[in-house]
Amino acid sequence: MPSVKLSTGVDLYYETHGQGEALIFVPSTAYSGEVWKPSQMPLADSLNLIFHDPRGCGRSVAQQSVYTIELMAMDIVALMDHIGCASAHFIGHSMGGRIALSLAQNFPGRIKSLIMAAAGSGTAGRAGPDCVPGLPHQLVYELVEMGFEKFVRDEIVDSDTFFTADYRAGHGDEVEAFYKLAWATHAKLPEFVHLVMARHSFEGTHRLQDVRCPTMVLIGDGDTVGSNHVAQAQVLADRIPGAELKVLEGQTHGFFWQDPELTNDVILSWVQRHS
């Protein structure tokens, strides 16, 4: 699949699969488009899936060291122009939700519907220490204490962040396989720091009422490890006009990979309903 040199200052890698309504996936902090394969590939039977590596991740190389959520949203708009996609459905996971939210707020004509998956809108939508702008103390402390690779591995393999304890106990091979898949094209440390800075500099909470496209807030009921995404999801559901809240029982941050069949059913039903 191709890379394209975009006017926003990035050589962006992307893939398209399937045909039908366009659905653009925006991955979590530092992850590439590879994380959607093979888990979300069955959706290509019904939809045109568009995956990409955000700037600094995987095979996408930023031509300068500017990383903001707004700029990464503009990267996607430039990609859409390149492939001739006037508008699309969007699903953004975690930080990817912030990127998709920025696009919905600033380029409303380009987005047909939005799924905010385990995402938030910025520090104003958080409580306690999480409401403080800038690099989170807990993240910096754990990154220094563990080292970069162990920090990423702990998030996926050794903690309840992405997968529940019961799932990890019974599906260790699957969890390990996902870690290897994600780590192979994960952003390197310098780019990771840029991405985290961008994530925690973004604030879209006070403009949530500007989102006019149909929106689903999708969250696992156990997604409270580290940053409480359940609380952030409630803020989204309360403030985005007409937003639907969908809570997945027995899931944490990585429901795409813990239960892909359930997740894909939810995604496909939503897109078909808003096509």
C-alpha atoms as a PDB file:
ATOM      1  CA  MET A   1       0.000   0.000   0.000  1.00  0.00           C
ATOM      2  CA  PRO A   2       1.183   3.558  -0.683  1.00  0.00           C
ATOM      3  CA  SER A   3       2.689   6.442   1.186  1.00  0.00           C
ATOM      4  CA  VAL A   4       1.852   9.994   0.188  1.00  0.00           C
ATOM      5  CA  LYS A   5       3.703  13.242   0.888  1.00  0.00           C
ATOM      6  CA  LEU A   6       1.028  15.559   2.262  1.00  0.00           C
ATOM      7  CA  SER A   7       1.076  19.357   2.368  1.00  0.00           C
ATOM      8  CA  THR A   8       0.620  19.185   6.154  1.00  0.00           C
ATOM      9  CA  GLY A   9       4.232  18.043   6.517  1.00  0.00           C
ATOM     10  CA  VAL A  10       4.126  14.268   6.735  1.00  0.00           C
ATOM     11  CA  ASP A  11       4.898  11.297   4.523  1.00  0.00           C
ATOM     12  CA  LEU A  12       1.771   9.343   5.446  1.00  0.00           C
ATOM     13  CA  TYR A  13       1.306   5.597   5.052  1.00  0.00           C
ATOM     14  CA  TYR A  14      -2.235   4.358   4.457  1.00  0.00           C
ATOM     15  CA  GLU A  15      -4.214   1.335   3.304  1.00  0.00           C
ATOM     16  CA  THR A  16      -7.726   0.830   1.970  1.00  0.00           C
ATOM     17  CA  HIS A  17      -9.652  -2.437   2.141  1.00  0.00           C
ATOM     18  CA  GLY A  18     -13.104  -3.415   0.892  1.00  0.00           C
ATOM     19  CA  GLN A  19     -15.762  -1.260  -0.704  1.00  0.00           C
ATOM     20  CA  GLY A  20     -18.907   0.608   0.239  1.00  0.00           C
ATOM     21  CA  GLU A  21     -19.294   3.341   2.850  1.00  0.00           C
ATOM     22  CA  ALA A  22     -15.888   4.765   3.846  1.00  0.00           C
ATOM     23  CA  LEU A  23     -14.892   4.184   7.481  1.00  0.00           C
ATOM     24  CA  ILE A  24     -11.684   5.826   8.687  1.00  0.00           C
ATOM     25  CA  PHE A  25      -9.992   4.289  11.729  1.00  0.00           C
ATOM     26  CA  VAL A  26      -7.810   6.542  13.895  1.00  0.00           C
ATOM     27  CA  PRO A  27      -5.634   4.544  16.333  1.00  0.00           C
ATOM     28  CA  SER A  28      -4.576   5.208  19.907  1.00  0.00           C
ATOM     29  CA  THR A  29      -1.422   7.028  20.999  1.00  0.00           C
ATOM     30  CA  ALA A  30       1.669   5.804  19.144  1.00  0.00           C
ATOM     31  CA  TYR A  31      -0.046   2.883  17.405  1.00  0.00           C
ATOM     32  CA  SER A  32      -0.050   2.331  13.656  1.00  0.00           C
ATOM     33  CA  GLY A  33      -2.842   1.169  11.396  1.00  0.00           C
ATOM     34  CA  GLU A  34      -1.569  -2.396  11.759  1.00  0.00           C
ATOM     35  CA  VAL A  35      -3.408  -2.814  15.072  1.00  0.00           C
ATOM     36  CA  TRP A  36      -6.722  -3.087  13.187  1.00  0.00           C
ATOM     37  CA  LYS A  37      -5.525  -6.227  11.408  1.00  0.00           C
ATOM     38  CA  PRO A  38      -6.778  -8.903  11.544  1.00  0.00           C
ATOM     39  CA  SER A  39      -9.384  -7.970  14.183  1.00  0.00           C
ATOM     40  CA  GLN A  40     -11.351  -5.397  12.163  1.00  0.00           C
ATOM     41  CA  MET A  41     -10.718  -6.819   8.687  1.00  0.00           C
ATOM     42  CA  PRO A  42     -14.075  -8.695   8.536  1.00  0.00           C
ATOM     43  CA  LEU A  43     -15.711  -5.267   8.237  1.00  0.00           C
ATOM     44  CA  ALA A  44     -14.131  -4.984   4.771  1.00  0.00           C
ATOM     45  CA  ASP A  45     -16.818  -7.369   3.540  1.00  0.00           C
ATOM     46  CA  SER A  46     -19.317  -4.520   3.929  1.00  0.00           C
ATOM     47  CA  LEU A  47     -17.351  -1.268   4.188  1.00  0.00           C
ATOM     48  CA  ASN A  48     -14.396   0.565   2.667  1.00  0.00           C
ATOM     49  CA  LEU A  49     -11.903   0.546   5.533  1.00  0.00           C
ATOM     50  CA  ILE A  50      -9.232   3.250   5.551  1.00  0.00           C
ATOM     51  CA  PHE A  51      -6.288   2.655   7.892  1.00  0.00           C
ATOM     52  CA  HIS A  52      -3.305   4.967   8.315  1.00  0.00           C
ATOM     53  CA  ASP A  53      -0.227   5.409  10.458  1.00  0.00           C
ATOM     54  CA  PRO A  54      -0.498   8.819  12.186  1.00  0.00           C
ATOM     55  CA  ARG A  55       2.543  11.056  11.956  1.00  0.00           C
ATOM     56  CA  GLY A  56       5.508   9.622  13.838  1.00  0.00           C
ATOM     57  CA  CYS A  57       3.941   6.152  14.007  1.00  0.00           C
ATOM     58  CA  GLY A  58       4.890   3.087  11.998  1.00  0.00           C
ATOM     59  CA  ARG A  59       5.707   4.015   8.418  1.00  0.00           C
ATOM     60  CA  SER A  60       4.590   7.672   8.565  1.00  0.00           C
ATOM     61  CA  VAL A  61       7.400  10.186   8.924  1.00  0.00           C
ATOM     62  CA  ALA A  62       6.838  13.782   9.997  1.00  0.00           C
ATOM     63  CA  GLN A  63       8.932  16.269   8.055  1.00  0.00           C
ATOM     64  CA  GLN A  64       9.088  18.522  11.113  1.00  0.00           C
ATOM     65  CA  SER A  65       8.672  18.082  14.846  1.00  0.00           C
ATOM     66  CA  VAL A  66       5.220  19.657  15.075  1.00  0.00           C
ATOM     67  CA  TYR A  67       2.645  17.364  16.652  1.00  0.00           C
ATOM     68  CA  THR A  68      -0.773  18.671  17.607  1.00  0.00           C
ATOM     69  CA  ILE A  69      -4.158  16.979  17.606  1.00  0.00           C
ATOM     70  CA  GLU A  70      -5.462  19.611  15.207  1.00  0.00           C
ATOM     71  CA  LEU A  71      -2.592  19.012  12.777  1.00  0.00           C
ATOM     72  CA  MET A  72      -3.118  15.257  12.860  1.00  0.00           C
ATOM     73  CA  ALA A  73      -6.783  15.876  12.028  1.00  0.00           C
ATOM     74  CA  MET A  74      -5.627  18.003   9.086  1.00  0.00           C
ATOM     75  CA  ASP A  75      -3.381  15.112   8.003  1.00  0.00           C
ATOM     76  CA  ILE A  76      -6.519  12.990   7.645  1.00  0.00           C
ATOM     77  CA  VAL A  77      -8.367  15.694   5.700  1.00  0.00           C
ATOM     78  CA  ALA A  78      -5.376  15.951   3.340  1.00  0.00           C
ATOM     79  CA  LEU A  79      -5.390  12.156   2.958  1.00  0.00           C
ATOM     80  CA  MET A  80      -9.112  12.223   2.165  1.00  0.00           C
ATOM     81  CA  ASP A  81      -8.454  14.835  -0.524  1.00  0.00           C
ATOM     82  CA  HIS A  82      -5.677  12.669  -1.945  1.00  0.00           C
ATOM     83  CA  ILE A  83      -7.850   9.573  -2.273  1.00  0.00           C
ATOM     84  CA  GLY A  84     -10.946  11.494  -3.390  1.00  0.00           C
ATOM     85  CA  CYS A  85     -13.019  10.845  -0.274  1.00  0.00           C
ATOM     86  CA  ALA A  86     -15.375  13.777   0.263  1.00  0.00           C
ATOM     87  CA  SER A  87     -16.742  12.491   3.577  1.00  0.00           C
ATOM     88  CA  ALA A  88     -16.531   9.378   5.725  1.00  0.00           C
ATOM     89  CA  HIS A  89     -17.591   7.726   8.933  1.00  0.00           C
ATOM     90  CA  PHE A  90     -14.932   7.904  11.652  1.00  0.00           C
ATOM     91  CA  ILE A  91     -13.947   5.760  14.598  1.00  0.00           C
ATOM     92  CA  GLY A  92     -11.264   7.090  16.908  1.00  0.00           C
ATOM     93  CA  HIS A  93      -9.754   5.004  19.694  1.00  0.00           C
ATOM     94  CA  SER A  94      -8.417   6.805  22.778  1.00  0.00           C
ATOM     95  CA  MET A  95      -6.141   9.602  21.460  1.00  0.00           C
ATOM     96  CA  GLY A  96      -7.534   8.783  18.020  1.00  0.00           C
ATOM     97  CA  GLY A  97     -10.881   9.924  19.369  1.00  0.00           C
ATOM     98  CA  ARG A  98      -9.424  13.341  20.099  1.00  0.00           C
ATOM     99  CA  ILE A  99      -8.141  13.540  16.525  1.00  0.00           C
ATOM    100  CA  ALA A 100     -11.539  12.548  15.123  1.00  0.00           C
ATOM    101  CA  LEU A 101     -13.240  14.987  17.508  1.00  0.00           C
ATOM    102  CA  SER A 102     -11.043  17.833  16.271  1.00  0.00           C
ATOM    103  CA  LEU A 103     -12.001  16.935  12.725  1.00  0.00           C
ATOM    104  CA  ALA A 104     -15.699  16.908  13.615  1.00  0.00           C
ATOM    105  CA  GLN A 105     -15.395  20.300  15.297  1.00  0.00           C
ATOM    106  CA  ASN A 106     -13.369  21.987  12.558  1.00  0.00           C
ATOM    107  CA  PHE A 107     -14.314  20.126   9.345  1.00  0.00           C
ATOM    108  CA  PRO A 108     -17.951  19.129   9.955  1.00  0.00           C
ATOM    109  CA  GLY A 109     -18.683  18.596   6.272  1.00  0.00           C
ATOM    110  CA  ARG A 110     -16.132  15.781   6.052  1.00  0.00           C
ATOM    111  CA  ILE A 111     -17.631  13.511   8.682  1.00  0.00           C
ATOM    112  CA  LYS A 112     -20.836  11.470   8.310  1.00  0.00           C
ATOM    113  CA  SER A 113     -20.825   9.900  11.753  1.00  0.00           C
ATOM    114  CA  LEU A 114     -18.439   9.497  14.648  1.00  0.00           C
ATOM    115  CA  ILE A 115     -17.627   6.714  17.099  1.00  0.00           C
ATOM    116  CA  MET A 116     -15.650   7.954  20.100  1.00  0.00           C
ATOM    117  CA  ALA A 117     -14.153   4.696  21.369  1.00  0.00           C
ATOM    118  CA  ALA A 118     -12.594   4.757  24.854  1.00  0.00           C
ATOM    119  CA  ALA A 119     -11.815   8.409  24.215  1.00  0.00           C
ATOM    120  CA  GLY A 120     -11.985  11.795  25.878  1.00  0.00           C
ATOM    121  CA  SER A 121     -12.077  15.457  24.972  1.00  0.00           C
ATOM    122  CA  GLY A 122      -9.247  16.929  27.040  1.00  0.00           C
ATOM    123  CA  THR A 123      -8.210  17.654  30.592  1.00  0.00           C
ATOM    124  CA  ALA A 124     -11.255  19.863  31.295  1.00  0.00           C
ATOM    125  CA  GLY A 125     -13.363  16.713  31.079  1.00  0.00           C
ATOM    126  CA  ARG A 126     -11.381  14.957  33.789  1.00  0.00           C
ATOM    127  CA  ALA A 127     -11.240  14.978  37.577  1.00  0.00           C
ATOM    128  CA  GLY A 128      -8.470  14.951  40.189  1.00  0.00           C
ATOM    129  CA  PRO A 129      -4.837  14.970  39.002  1.00  0.00           C
ATOM    130  CA  ASP A 130      -5.972  14.104  35.458  1.00  0.00           C
ATOM    131  CA  CYS A 131      -7.389  17.610  35.032  1.00  0.00           C
ATOM    132  CA  VAL A 132      -3.903  19.164  35.123  1.00  0.00           C
ATOM    133  CA  PRO A 133      -2.703  20.082  31.596  1.00  0.00           C
ATOM    134  CA  GLY A 134       0.680  18.900  30.379  1.00  0.00           C
ATOM    135  CA  LEU A 135       2.522  15.600  30.634  1.00  0.00           C
ATOM    136  CA  PRO A 136       0.872  13.499  33.360  1.00  0.00           C
ATOM    137  CA  HIS A 137       3.046  12.848  36.389  1.00  0.00           C
ATOM    138  CA  GLN A 138       2.077   9.165  36.531  1.00  0.00           C
ATOM    139  CA  LEU A 139       3.000   8.593  32.881  1.00  0.00           C
ATOM    140  CA  VAL A 140       6.372  10.304  33.190  1.00  0.00           C
ATOM    141  CA  TYR A 141       7.186   8.493  36.435  1.00  0.00           C
ATOM    142  CA  GLU A 142       6.307   5.053  35.057  1.00  0.00           C
ATOM    143  CA  LEU A 143       8.116   5.714  31.778  1.00  0.00           C
ATOM    144  CA  VAL A 144      11.315   6.642  33.620  1.00  0.00           C
ATOM    145  CA  GLU A 145      10.976   3.826  36.167  1.00  0.00           C
ATOM    146  CA  MET A 146      10.237   1.058  33.657  1.00  0.00           C
ATOM    147  CA  GLY A 147      11.935   2.178  30.491  1.00  0.00           C
ATOM    148  CA  PHE A 148      10.084   2.632  27.206  1.00  0.00           C
ATOM    149  CA  GLU A 149       9.581  -0.926  25.971  1.00  0.00           C
ATOM    150  CA  LYS A 150       8.597  -2.285  29.383  1.00  0.00           C
ATOM    151  CA  PHE A 151       6.196   0.644  29.801  1.00  0.00           C
ATOM    152  CA  VAL A 152       4.394  -0.255  26.556  1.00  0.00           C
ATOM    153  CA  ARG A 153       4.440  -3.977  27.356  1.00  0.00           C
ATOM    154  CA  ASP A 154       3.004  -3.398  30.830  1.00  0.00           C
ATOM    155  CA  GLU A 155       0.097  -1.425  29.364  1.00  0.00           C
ATOM    156  CA  ILE A 156      -0.817  -4.263  27.007  1.00  0.00           C
ATOM    157  CA  VAL A 157       0.339  -7.501  28.626  1.00  0.00           C
ATOM    158  CA  ASP A 158       0.855  -7.073  32.355  1.00  0.00           C
ATOM    159  CA  SER A 159      -1.889  -4.718  33.514  1.00  0.00           C
ATOM    160  CA  ASP A 160      -5.672  -4.470  33.212  1.00  0.00           C
ATOM    161  CA  THR A 161      -5.415  -1.446  30.926  1.00  0.00           C
ATOM    162  CA  PHE A 162      -6.093  -3.094  27.557  1.00  0.00           C
ATOM    163  CA  PHE A 163      -7.321  -6.552  28.568  1.00  0.00           C
ATOM    164  CA  THR A 164      -9.184  -7.782  31.630  1.00  0.00           C
ATOM    165  CA  ALA A 165      -7.375 -10.040  34.098  1.00  0.00           C
ATOM    166  CA  ASP A 166      -9.673 -12.969  33.266  1.00  0.00           C
ATOM    167  CA  TYR A 167      -9.039 -12.613  29.553  1.00  0.00           C
ATOM    168  CA  ARG A 168      -5.269 -12.370  30.014  1.00  0.00           C
ATOM    169  CA  ALA A 169      -5.308 -15.478  32.219  1.00  0.00           C
ATOM    170  CA  GLY A 170      -7.122 -17.526  29.589  1.00  0.00           C
ATOM    171  CA  HIS A 171      -5.762 -15.981  26.379  1.00  0.00           C
ATOM    172  CA  GLY A 172      -2.116 -15.277  27.083  1.00  0.00           C
ATOM    173  CA  ASP A 173      -1.035 -16.211  23.564  1.00  0.00           C
ATOM    174  CA  GLU A 174      -3.519 -13.795  21.977  1.00  0.00           C
ATOM    175  CA  VAL A 175      -2.441 -10.959  24.275  1.00  0.00           C
ATOM    176  CA  GLU A 176       1.227 -11.626  23.525  1.00  0.00           C
ATOM    177  CA  ALA A 177       0.486 -11.731  19.795  1.00  0.00           C
ATOM    178  CA  PHE A 178      -1.253  -8.370  19.945  1.00  0.00           C
ATOM    179  CA  TYR A 179       1.668  -6.862  21.860  1.00  0.00           C
ATOM    180  CA  LYS A 180       4.120  -8.083  19.207  1.00  0.00           C
ATOM    181  CA  LEU A 181       1.870  -6.737  16.443  1.00  0.00           C
ATOM    182  CA  ALA A 182       1.554  -3.329  18.112  1.00  0.00           C
ATOM    183  CA  TRP A 183       5.201  -3.001  19.158  1.00  0.00           C
ATOM    184  CA  ALA A 184       6.558  -3.808  15.679  1.00  0.00           C
ATOM    185  CA  THR A 185       5.213  -0.508  14.293  1.00  0.00           C
ATOM    186  CA  HIS A 186       4.846   1.464  17.521  1.00  0.00           C
ATOM    187  CA  ALA A 187       6.214   5.005  17.556  1.00  0.00           C
ATOM    188  CA  LYS A 188       9.775   5.259  18.861  1.00  0.00           C
ATOM    189  CA  LEU A 189      10.530   7.138  22.062  1.00  0.00           C
ATOM    190  CA  PRO A 190      11.174  10.638  20.589  1.00  0.00           C
ATOM    191  CA  GLU A 191       7.970  10.515  18.550  1.00  0.00           C
ATOM    192  CA  PHE A 192       6.050   8.977  21.467  1.00  0.00           C
ATOM    193  CA  VAL A 193       6.886  11.985  23.647  1.00  0.00           C
ATOM    194  CA  HIS A 194       5.723  14.353  20.891  1.00  0.00           C
ATOM    195  CA  LEU A 195       2.455  12.417  20.609  1.00  0.00           C
ATOM    196  CA  VAL A 196       1.784  12.407  24.351  1.00  0.00           C
ATOM    197  CA  MET A 197       2.512  16.149  24.502  1.00  0.00           C
ATOM    198  CA  ALA A 198      -0.002  16.667  21.693  1.00  0.00           C
ATOM    199  CA  ARG A 199      -2.575  14.495  23.450  1.00  0.00           C
ATOM    200  CA  HIS A 200      -2.346  16.433  26.702  1.00  0.00           C
ATOM    201  CA  SER A 201      -2.229  19.858  25.064  1.00  0.00           C
ATOM    202  CA  PHE A 202      -5.539  19.340  23.288  1.00  0.00           C
ATOM    203  CA  GLU A 203      -8.743  20.709  24.769  1.00  0.00           C
ATOM    204  CA  GLY A 204     -12.025  20.099  22.983  1.00  0.00           C
ATOM    205  CA  THR A 205     -14.355  19.816  25.970  1.00  0.00           C
ATOM    206  CA  HIS A 206     -15.751  23.330  25.757  1.00  0.00           C
ATOM    207  CA  ARG A 207     -16.677  22.834  22.084  1.00  0.00           C
ATOM    208  CA  LEU A 208     -18.418  19.479  22.396  1.00  0.00           C
ATOM    209  CA  GLN A 209     -21.735  21.173  21.647  1.00  0.00           C
ATOM    210  CA  ASP A 210     -20.296  22.055  18.199  1.00  0.00           C
ATOM    211  CA  VAL A 211     -20.331  18.383  17.137  1.00  0.00           C
ATOM    212  CA  ARG A 212     -23.304  18.030  14.775  1.00  0.00           C
ATOM    213  CA  CYS A 213     -22.750  14.592  13.260  1.00  0.00           C
ATOM    214  CA  PRO A 214     -24.387  11.457  14.714  1.00  0.00           C
ATOM    215  CA  THR A 215     -22.085  10.308  17.521  1.00  0.00           C
ATOM    216  CA  MET A 216     -21.720   7.111  19.504  1.00  0.00           C
ATOM    217  CA  VAL A 217     -19.648   7.029  22.685  1.00  0.00           C
ATOM    218  CA  LEU A 218     -18.326   3.472  22.992  1.00  0.00           C
ATOM    219  CA  ILE A 219     -16.708   2.386  26.250  1.00  0.00           C
ATOM    220  CA  GLY A 220     -15.861  -0.733  28.252  1.00  0.00           C
ATOM    221  CA  ASP A 221     -17.326  -0.714  31.749  1.00  0.00           C
ATOM    222  CA  GLY A 222     -13.928  -1.586  33.247  1.00  0.00           C
ATOM    223  CA  ASP A 223     -11.926   1.117  31.460  1.00  0.00           C
ATOM    224  CA  THR A 224     -10.867   2.913  34.635  1.00  0.00           C
ATOM    225  CA  VAL A 225      -7.211   1.819  34.919  1.00  0.00           C
ATOM    226  CA  GLY A 226      -4.806   4.750  34.841  1.00  0.00           C
ATOM    227  CA  SER A 227      -6.967   7.437  33.290  1.00  0.00           C
ATOM    228  CA  ASN A 228     -10.680   6.882  33.959  1.00  0.00           C
ATOM    229  CA  HIS A 229     -12.126   6.633  30.456  1.00  0.00           C
ATOM    230  CA  VAL A 230     -15.573   5.701  31.772  1.00  0.00           C
ATOM    231  CA  ALA A 231     -15.892   9.123  33.389  1.00  0.00           C
ATOM    232  CA  GLN A 232     -14.567  10.813  30.251  1.00  0.00           C
ATOM    233  CA  ALA A 233     -17.075   8.899  28.139  1.00  0.00           C
ATOM    234  CA  GLN A 234     -19.900  10.198  30.295  1.00  0.00           C
ATOM    235  CA  VAL A 235     -18.747  13.773  29.683  1.00  0.00           C
ATOM    236  CA  LEU A 236     -18.840  13.128  25.931  1.00  0.00           C
ATOM    237  CA  ALA A 237     -22.286  11.545  26.116  1.00  0.00           C
ATOM    238  CA  ASP A 238     -23.657  14.389  28.240  1.00  0.00           C
ATOM    239  CA  ARG A 239     -22.287  17.256  26.143  1.00  0.00           C
ATOM    240  CA  ILE A 240     -22.361  16.108  22.505  1.00  0.00           C
ATOM    241  CA  PRO A 241     -25.853  16.842  21.169  1.00  0.00           C
ATOM    242  CA  GLY A 242     -27.810  13.628  20.633  1.00  0.00           C
ATOM    243  CA  ALA A 243     -24.855  11.355  21.455  1.00  0.00           C
ATOM    244  CA  GLU A 244     -25.596   7.694  22.156  1.00  0.00           C
ATOM    245  CA  LEU A 245     -23.693   5.958  24.965  1.00  0.00           C
ATOM    246  CA  LYS A 246     -22.891   2.268  24.400  1.00  0.00           C
ATOM    247  CA  VAL A 247     -21.282   0.448  27.336  1.00  0.00           C
ATOM    248  CA  LEU A 248     -19.614  -2.913  26.690  1.00  0.00           C
ATOM    249  CA  GLU A 249     -19.785  -5.161  29.744  1.00  0.00           C
ATOM    250  CA  GLY A 250     -16.641  -6.936  30.905  1.00  0.00           C
ATOM    251  CA  GLN A 251     -14.342  -4.837  28.701  1.00  0.00           C
ATOM    252  CA  THR A 252     -11.507  -2.393  29.322  1.00  0.00           C
ATOM    253  CA  HIS A 253      -9.511  -0.206  26.910  1.00  0.00           C
ATOM    254  CA  GLY A 254      -8.785  -2.895  24.329  1.00  0.00           C
ATOM    255  CA  PHE A 255     -12.259  -4.202  23.498  1.00  0.00           C
ATOM    256  CA  PHE A 256     -11.406  -4.147  19.779  1.00  0.00           C
ATOM    257  CA  TRP A 257      -9.003  -7.029  20.393  1.00  0.00           C
ATOM    258  CA  GLN A 258     -10.566  -8.768  23.384  1.00  0.00           C
ATOM    259  CA  ASP A 259     -13.930  -9.202  21.655  1.00  0.00           C
ATOM    260  CA  PRO A 260     -13.602  -8.259  17.962  1.00  0.00           C
ATOM    261  CA  GLU A 261     -16.849  -9.969  16.931  1.00  0.00           C
ATOM    262  CA  LEU A 262     -18.917  -7.925  19.377  1.00  0.00           C
ATOM    263  CA  THR A 263     -17.055  -4.723  18.531  1.00  0.00           C
ATOM    264  CA  ASN A 264     -17.402  -5.238  14.785  1.00  0.00           C
ATOM    265  CA  ASP A 265     -21.123  -5.914  15.128  1.00  0.00           C
ATOM    266  CA  VAL A 266     -21.548  -2.626  16.995  1.00  0.00           C
ATOM    267  CA  ILE A 267     -19.487  -0.716  14.423  1.00  0.00           C
ATOM    268  CA  LEU A 268     -21.225  -2.179  11.377  1.00  0.00           C
ATOM    269  CA  SER A 269     -24.695  -1.664  12.806  1.00  0.00           C
ATOM    270  CA  TRP A 270     -23.873   1.964  13.594  1.00  0.00           C
ATOM    271  CA  VAL A 271     -22.436   2.769  10.150  1.00  0.00           C
ATOM    272  CA  GLN A 272     -25.311   1.078   8.327  1.00  0.00           C
ATOM    273  CA  ARG A 273     -27.797   2.994  10.449  1.00  0.00           C
ATOM    274  CA  HIS A 274     -26.175   6.327   9.524  1.00  0.00           C
ATOM    275  CA  SER A 275     -25.383   5.719   5.855  1.00  0.00           C
END
